[in-house]
Amino acid sequence: MTEFKLTTNDNPYDPFEDFDQWFMYDNQKGYSSCSMLMRIAKLNDDFSEKEINDEIERAIDDIIKYDFTDTYKKVSKDYEIPN
């Protein structure tokens, strides 16, 4: 499965590998990417992991589509799903 995250073009930290540093940088710069993503994503407690991932990707794509400042980008990481 591929997991997606929203980040900014200027953030030097990897949101997958160094989330704490990434989060601090993101908030210090005033982006609040996680908060914005959660406002856009239409998540439901009944969603499966795949449905959550799909909705997060859709919300990231929408944010980037309407980002006239070219601030945001989507990054991904592949994970193996255990049987």
N, C-alpha and C. Protein backbone atom coordinates (compact mmCIF):
# COMPACT_ATOMS: atom_id res chain seq x y z
N MET A 1 0.85 -1.17 0.00
CA MET A 1 0.00 0.00 0.00
C MET A 1 0.89 1.24 0.00
N THR A 2 0.42 2.28 -0.64
CA THR A 2 1.14 3.54 -0.67
C THR A 2 0.44 4.52 0.25
N GLU A 3 1.20 5.14 1.13
CA GLU A 3 0.67 6.16 2.03
C GLU A 3 1.13 7.52 1.52
N PHE A 4 0.27 8.52 1.65
CA PHE A 4 0.57 9.85 1.16
C PHE A 4 0.56 10.86 2.29
N LYS A 5 1.42 11.86 2.15
CA LYS A 5 1.47 12.96 3.12
C LYS A 5 1.54 14.27 2.35
N LEU A 6 1.03 15.31 2.97
CA LEU A 6 1.12 16.66 2.45
C LEU A 6 2.31 17.33 3.11
N THR A 7 3.14 17.99 2.32
CA THR A 7 4.26 18.74 2.87
C THR A 7 4.42 20.01 2.04
N THR A 8 5.40 20.80 2.41
CA THR A 8 5.67 22.03 1.67
C THR A 8 7.01 21.89 0.95
N ASN A 9 7.16 22.66 -0.10
CA ASN A 9 8.37 22.58 -0.91
C ASN A 9 9.63 22.99 -0.14
N ASP A 10 9.47 23.81 0.90
CA ASP A 10 10.65 24.29 1.63
C ASP A 10 10.97 23.50 2.89
N ASN A 11 10.13 22.54 3.26
CA ASN A 11 10.37 21.79 4.50
C ASN A 11 11.45 20.73 4.25
N PRO A 12 12.59 20.84 4.96
CA PRO A 12 13.69 19.90 4.72
C PRO A 12 13.52 18.54 5.39
N TYR A 13 12.49 18.37 6.20
CA TYR A 13 12.31 17.14 6.96
C TYR A 13 11.32 16.21 6.27
N ASP A 14 11.54 14.91 6.45
CA ASP A 14 10.69 13.88 5.88
C ASP A 14 9.53 13.61 6.83
N PRO A 15 8.29 13.83 6.39
CA PRO A 15 7.17 13.61 7.31
C PRO A 15 6.98 12.14 7.69
N PHE A 16 7.58 11.23 6.95
CA PHE A 16 7.50 9.81 7.29
C PHE A 16 8.56 9.42 8.31
N GLU A 17 9.77 9.88 8.09
CA GLU A 17 10.91 9.43 8.90
C GLU A 17 11.22 10.35 10.09
N ASP A 18 10.88 11.62 9.99
CA ASP A 18 11.22 12.59 11.03
C ASP A 18 10.03 13.51 11.29
N PHE A 19 8.90 12.88 11.64
CA PHE A 19 7.65 13.63 11.76
C PHE A 19 7.74 14.78 12.76
N ASP A 20 8.36 14.56 13.92
CA ASP A 20 8.40 15.61 14.93
C ASP A 20 9.09 16.87 14.42
N GLN A 21 10.25 16.71 13.78
CA GLN A 21 10.97 17.87 13.22
C GLN A 21 10.17 18.48 12.07
N TRP A 22 9.59 17.62 11.23
CA TRP A 22 8.77 18.10 10.12
C TRP A 22 7.61 18.94 10.66
N PHE A 23 6.92 18.43 11.67
CA PHE A 23 5.76 19.10 12.25
C PHE A 23 6.14 20.44 12.87
N MET A 24 7.25 20.48 13.61
CA MET A 24 7.70 21.72 14.23
C MET A 24 8.02 22.77 13.15
N TYR A 25 8.74 22.37 12.11
CA TYR A 25 9.07 23.29 11.02
C TYR A 25 7.79 23.80 10.36
N ASP A 26 6.88 22.91 10.05
CA ASP A 26 5.63 23.24 9.38
C ASP A 26 4.84 24.28 10.19
N ASN A 27 4.73 24.07 11.48
CA ASN A 27 3.97 24.99 12.32
C ASN A 27 4.70 26.29 12.58
N GLN A 28 6.03 26.24 12.71
CA GLN A 28 6.80 27.47 12.90
C GLN A 28 6.66 28.40 11.69
N LYS A 29 6.54 27.82 10.51
CA LYS A 29 6.37 28.61 9.30
C LYS A 29 4.92 29.05 9.08
N GLY A 30 4.01 28.56 9.93
CA GLY A 30 2.62 28.97 9.84
C GLY A 30 1.78 28.22 8.82
N TYR A 31 2.29 27.08 8.32
CA TYR A 31 1.54 26.33 7.32
C TYR A 31 0.38 25.54 7.92
N SER A 32 0.61 24.91 9.05
CA SER A 32 -0.39 24.06 9.71
C SER A 32 -0.99 23.06 8.73
N SER A 33 -0.12 22.36 8.02
CA SER A 33 -0.54 21.43 6.96
C SER A 33 -1.45 20.33 7.47
N CYS A 34 -1.15 19.78 8.64
CA CYS A 34 -1.99 18.69 9.17
C CYS A 34 -3.40 19.19 9.45
N SER A 35 -3.52 20.36 10.05
CA SER A 35 -4.84 20.93 10.34
C SER A 35 -5.61 21.20 9.06
N MET A 36 -4.93 21.78 8.08
CA MET A 36 -5.60 22.07 6.81
C MET A 36 -6.07 20.78 6.14
N LEU A 37 -5.23 19.76 6.15
CA LEU A 37 -5.58 18.49 5.54
C LEU A 37 -6.81 17.88 6.22
N MET A 38 -6.86 17.95 7.54
CA MET A 38 -8.00 17.38 8.25
C MET A 38 -9.28 18.18 8.04
N ARG A 39 -9.17 19.47 7.73
CA ARG A 39 -10.36 20.26 7.40
C ARG A 39 -10.91 19.88 6.02
N ILE A 40 -10.03 19.48 5.10
CA ILE A 40 -10.43 19.17 3.72
C ILE A 40 -10.88 17.71 3.59
N ALA A 41 -10.19 16.81 4.27
CA ALA A 41 -10.50 15.38 4.17
C ALA A 41 -11.84 15.08 4.84
N LYS A 42 -12.64 14.30 4.17
CA LYS A 42 -13.95 13.91 4.71
C LYS A 42 -13.83 12.48 5.24
N LEU A 43 -13.32 12.37 6.44
CA LEU A 43 -13.08 11.06 7.04
C LEU A 43 -14.26 10.63 7.90
N ASN A 44 -14.38 9.32 8.04
CA ASN A 44 -15.46 8.72 8.80
C ASN A 44 -14.87 7.63 9.69
N ASP A 45 -15.36 7.51 10.89
CA ASP A 45 -14.86 6.48 11.83
C ASP A 45 -15.03 5.07 11.29
N ASP A 46 -15.95 4.88 10.36
CA ASP A 46 -16.22 3.55 9.82
C ASP A 46 -15.34 3.20 8.63
N PHE A 47 -14.48 4.13 8.19
CA PHE A 47 -13.63 3.88 7.02
C PHE A 47 -12.58 2.82 7.32
N SER A 48 -12.29 2.01 6.31
CA SER A 48 -11.17 1.07 6.40
C SER A 48 -9.87 1.86 6.23
N GLU A 49 -8.76 1.21 6.47
CA GLU A 49 -7.46 1.85 6.29
C GLU A 49 -7.29 2.33 4.85
N LYS A 50 -7.72 1.52 3.89
CA LYS A 50 -7.62 1.89 2.48
C LYS A 50 -8.49 3.10 2.17
N GLU A 51 -9.71 3.12 2.70
CA GLU A 51 -10.61 4.26 2.46
C GLU A 51 -10.05 5.55 3.06
N ILE A 52 -9.47 5.44 4.23
CA ILE A 52 -8.83 6.61 4.86
C ILE A 52 -7.69 7.10 3.98
N ASN A 53 -6.84 6.20 3.53
CA ASN A 53 -5.72 6.57 2.69
C ASN A 53 -6.19 7.20 1.38
N ASP A 54 -7.21 6.63 0.78
CA ASP A 54 -7.76 7.19 -0.47
C ASP A 54 -8.32 8.59 -0.26
N GLU A 55 -9.00 8.81 0.83
CA GLU A 55 -9.58 10.13 1.11
C GLU A 55 -8.50 11.16 1.42
N ILE A 56 -7.47 10.74 2.13
CA ILE A 56 -6.35 11.65 2.40
C ILE A 56 -5.66 12.03 1.10
N GLU A 57 -5.46 11.06 0.21
CA GLU A 57 -4.85 11.38 -1.08
C GLU A 57 -5.73 12.34 -1.88
N ARG A 58 -7.05 12.12 -1.87
CA ARG A 58 -7.96 13.02 -2.58
C ARG A 58 -7.86 14.44 -2.04
N ALA A 59 -7.83 14.57 -0.71
CA ALA A 59 -7.75 15.89 -0.09
C ALA A 59 -6.42 16.57 -0.41
N ILE A 60 -5.33 15.82 -0.38
CA ILE A 60 -4.02 16.37 -0.75
C ILE A 60 -4.05 16.86 -2.19
N ASP A 61 -4.60 16.06 -3.08
CA ASP A 61 -4.68 16.46 -4.49
C ASP A 61 -5.50 17.74 -4.65
N ASP A 62 -6.58 17.89 -3.88
CA ASP A 62 -7.39 19.11 -3.95
C ASP A 62 -6.60 20.32 -3.45
N ILE A 63 -5.89 20.15 -2.35
CA ILE A 63 -5.09 21.25 -1.81
C ILE A 63 -4.06 21.71 -2.85
N ILE A 64 -3.39 20.76 -3.45
CA ILE A 64 -2.36 21.10 -4.45
C ILE A 64 -3.01 21.72 -5.69
N LYS A 65 -4.15 21.22 -6.09
CA LYS A 65 -4.84 21.74 -7.27
C LYS A 65 -5.15 23.24 -7.13
N TYR A 66 -5.53 23.67 -5.94
CA TYR A 66 -5.92 25.05 -5.72
C TYR A 66 -4.83 25.89 -5.04
N ASP A 67 -3.61 25.37 -4.98
CA ASP A 67 -2.48 26.06 -4.35
C ASP A 67 -1.81 26.98 -5.37
N PHE A 68 -2.30 28.21 -5.48
CA PHE A 68 -1.77 29.14 -6.47
C PHE A 68 -0.38 29.66 -6.10
N THR A 69 0.08 29.42 -4.87
CA THR A 69 1.42 29.85 -4.45
C THR A 69 2.48 28.77 -4.67
N ASP A 70 2.06 27.59 -5.11
CA ASP A 70 2.98 26.46 -5.33
C ASP A 70 3.77 26.13 -4.06
N THR A 71 3.08 26.13 -2.94
CA THR A 71 3.69 25.87 -1.63
C THR A 71 3.73 24.39 -1.30
N TYR A 72 2.69 23.66 -1.66
CA TYR A 72 2.51 22.29 -1.20
C TYR A 72 2.90 21.25 -2.24
N LYS A 73 3.24 20.07 -1.72
CA LYS A 73 3.50 18.92 -2.59
C LYS A 73 3.09 17.65 -1.85
N LYS A 74 2.87 16.61 -2.64
CA LYS A 74 2.48 15.30 -2.11
C LYS A 74 3.71 14.40 -2.13
N VAL A 75 3.95 13.73 -1.01
CA VAL A 75 5.03 12.75 -0.94
C VAL A 75 4.40 11.40 -0.58
N SER A 76 5.08 10.33 -0.94
CA SER A 76 4.51 9.00 -0.70
C SER A 76 5.57 8.03 -0.22
N LYS A 77 5.08 6.98 0.39
CA LYS A 77 5.94 5.89 0.84
C LYS A 77 5.15 4.60 0.71
N ASP A 78 5.80 3.58 0.18
CA ASP A 78 5.16 2.27 0.02
C ASP A 78 5.39 1.42 1.26
N TYR A 79 4.32 0.75 1.67
CA TYR A 79 4.35 -0.15 2.83
C TYR A 79 3.81 -1.50 2.40
N GLU A 80 4.36 -2.53 2.99
CA GLU A 80 3.81 -3.87 2.80
C GLU A 80 2.75 -4.09 3.86
N ILE A 81 1.63 -4.63 3.44
CA ILE A 81 0.55 -4.94 4.37
C ILE A 81 0.73 -6.38 4.83
N PRO A 82 0.89 -6.58 6.15
CA PRO A 82 1.07 -7.94 6.65
C PRO A 82 -0.19 -8.78 6.44
N ASN A 83 0.00 -10.06 6.21
CA ASN A 83 -1.14 -10.98 6.00
C ASN A 83 -1.83 -11.30 7.30
